C-alpha atoms as a PDB file:
ATOM      1  CA  MET A   1      -0.150  -0.229  -0.138  1.00  0.00           C
ATOM      2  CA  THR A   2       1.117   3.181  -0.842  1.00  0.00           C
ATOM      3  CA  PRO A   3       0.467   6.095   1.808  1.00  0.00           C
ATOM      4  CA  PHE A   4      -1.506   9.044   0.747  1.00  0.00           C
ATOM      5  CA  THR A   5      -1.626  12.108   3.349  1.00  0.00           C
ATOM      6  CA  THR A   6      -2.371  15.855   2.779  1.00  0.00           C
ATOM      7  CA  ILE A   7      -0.116  18.602   3.787  1.00  0.00           C
ATOM      8  CA  GLY A   8      -2.769  21.646   2.959  1.00  0.00           C
ATOM      9  CA  GLY A   9      -5.033  22.223   0.296  1.00  0.00           C
ATOM     10  CA  ASP A  10      -5.401  20.767  -2.427  1.00  0.00           C
ATOM     11  CA  GLU A  11      -1.758  19.292  -1.936  1.00  0.00           C
ATOM     12  CA  PHE A  12      -0.330  16.288  -1.253  1.00  0.00           C
ATOM     13  CA  VAL A  13       2.590  13.480  -0.729  1.00  0.00           C
ATOM     14  CA  VAL A  14       2.485  10.049  -1.673  1.00  0.00           C
ATOM     15  CA  VAL A  15       5.358   7.860   0.284  1.00  0.00           C
ATOM     16  CA  VAL A  16       6.863   5.339  -1.892  1.00  0.00           C
ATOM     17  CA  PRO A  17       9.258   3.414   0.171  1.00  0.00           C
ATOM     18  CA  GLN A  18      12.847   2.684  -1.454  1.00  0.00           C
ATOM     19  CA  PRO A  19      11.874   2.981  -5.334  1.00  0.00           C
ATOM     20  CA  ASP A  20      14.480   4.005  -8.268  1.00  0.00           C
ATOM     21  CA  GLU A  21      14.103   6.976 -10.642  1.00  0.00           C
ATOM     22  CA  PRO A  22      11.989   4.943 -13.732  1.00  0.00           C
ATOM     23  CA  ALA A  23       9.440   3.582 -11.033  1.00  0.00           C
ATOM     24  CA  ALA A  24       8.811   6.807  -9.305  1.00  0.00           C
ATOM     25  CA  ARG A  25       8.451   8.586 -12.777  1.00  0.00           C
ATOM     26  CA  ALA A  26       5.654   5.826 -14.050  1.00  0.00           C
ATOM     27  CA  PHE A  27       3.197   6.029 -10.668  1.00  0.00           C
ATOM     28  CA  GLY A  28       3.529  10.320 -11.546  1.00  0.00           C
ATOM     29  CA  ALA A  29       2.750   9.871 -14.492  1.00  0.00           C
ATOM     30  CA  ALA A  30      -0.135   6.865 -14.019  1.00  0.00           C
ATOM     31  CA  LEU A  31      -1.380   9.279 -11.591  1.00  0.00           C
ATOM     32  CA  ARG A  32      -1.171  12.003 -13.720  1.00  0.00           C
ATOM     33  CA  ASP A  33      -2.693   9.898 -16.411  1.00  0.00           C
ATOM     34  CA  THR A  34      -5.667   8.987 -14.406  1.00  0.00           C
ATOM     35  CA  ALA A  35      -6.563  11.845 -13.086  1.00  0.00           C
ATOM     36  CA  ARG A  36      -6.620  13.421 -16.789  1.00  0.00           C
ATOM     37  CA  ARG A  37      -9.354  10.872 -17.749  1.00  0.00           C
ATOM     38  CA  SER A  38     -11.561  11.588 -15.097  1.00  0.00           C
ATOM     39  CA  GLY A  39     -12.194  14.797 -16.863  1.00  0.00           C
ATOM     40  CA  ARG A  40     -12.278  16.579 -13.381  1.00  0.00           C
ATOM     41  CA  TYR A  41      -8.937  17.054 -11.823  1.00  0.00           C
ATOM     42  CA  THR A  42      -5.284  18.081 -12.998  1.00  0.00           C
ATOM     43  CA  VAL A  43      -2.055  16.401 -11.638  1.00  0.00           C
ATOM     44  CA  SER A  44       1.511  18.272 -10.972  1.00  0.00           C
ATOM     45  CA  VAL A  45       3.602  15.883  -9.827  1.00  0.00           C
ATOM     46  CA  GLY A  46       7.102  16.675  -8.029  1.00  0.00           C
ATOM     47  CA  ILE A  47       9.778  13.374  -7.182  1.00  0.00           C
ATOM     48  CA  THR A  48      12.825  13.786  -4.953  1.00  0.00           C
ATOM     49  CA  PHE A  49      14.065  10.927  -3.182  1.00  0.00           C
ATOM     50  CA  ILE A  50      14.881  11.341   0.553  1.00  0.00           C
ATOM     51  CA  GLN A  51      17.658   9.641   3.405  1.00  0.00           C
ATOM     52  CA  ARG A  52      15.633  10.740   6.268  1.00  0.00           C
ATOM     53  CA  PRO A  53      12.646  12.393   6.048  1.00  0.00           C
ATOM     54  CA  ASP A  54      12.318  16.432   7.039  1.00  0.00           C
ATOM     55  CA  ARG A  55      10.366  19.234   5.781  1.00  0.00           C
ATOM     56  CA  SER A  56      13.256  19.468   2.952  1.00  0.00           C
ATOM     57  CA  ALA A  57      11.841  16.767   1.399  1.00  0.00           C
ATOM     58  CA  ILE A  58       8.539  18.655   1.669  1.00  0.00           C
ATOM     59  CA  ALA A  59      10.410  21.832  -1.110  1.00  0.00           C
ATOM     60  CA  ALA A  60      12.586  19.634  -2.578  1.00  0.00           C
ATOM     61  CA  ALA A  61       9.738  17.894  -4.147  1.00  0.00           C
ATOM     62  CA  ASP A  62       7.911  20.912  -5.136  1.00  0.00           C
ATOM     63  CA  ARG A  63      10.496  22.735  -6.323  1.00  0.00           C
ATOM     64  CA  ALA A  64      11.063  19.570  -9.182  1.00  0.00           C
ATOM     65  CA  LEU A  65       7.703  20.398 -10.317  1.00  0.00           C
ATOM     66  CA  TYR A  66       9.116  22.807 -12.010  1.00  0.00           C
ATOM     67  CA  GLU A  67      11.901  21.372 -13.361  1.00  0.00           C
END
């Protein structure tokens, strides 16, 4: 099971234990495509890899939205 949590407003975090980059990108693309097919939602995905969770991980993922 992949845990989802909201971090405020319309922003969510998905924690995927020990992913590799291709798997993380595929997960993000699948999530985005599912939302697009719904016709009601749009999704932007930012990916970051961390060793220990802290607030800087969220900031890094947020920056990745614009890369």
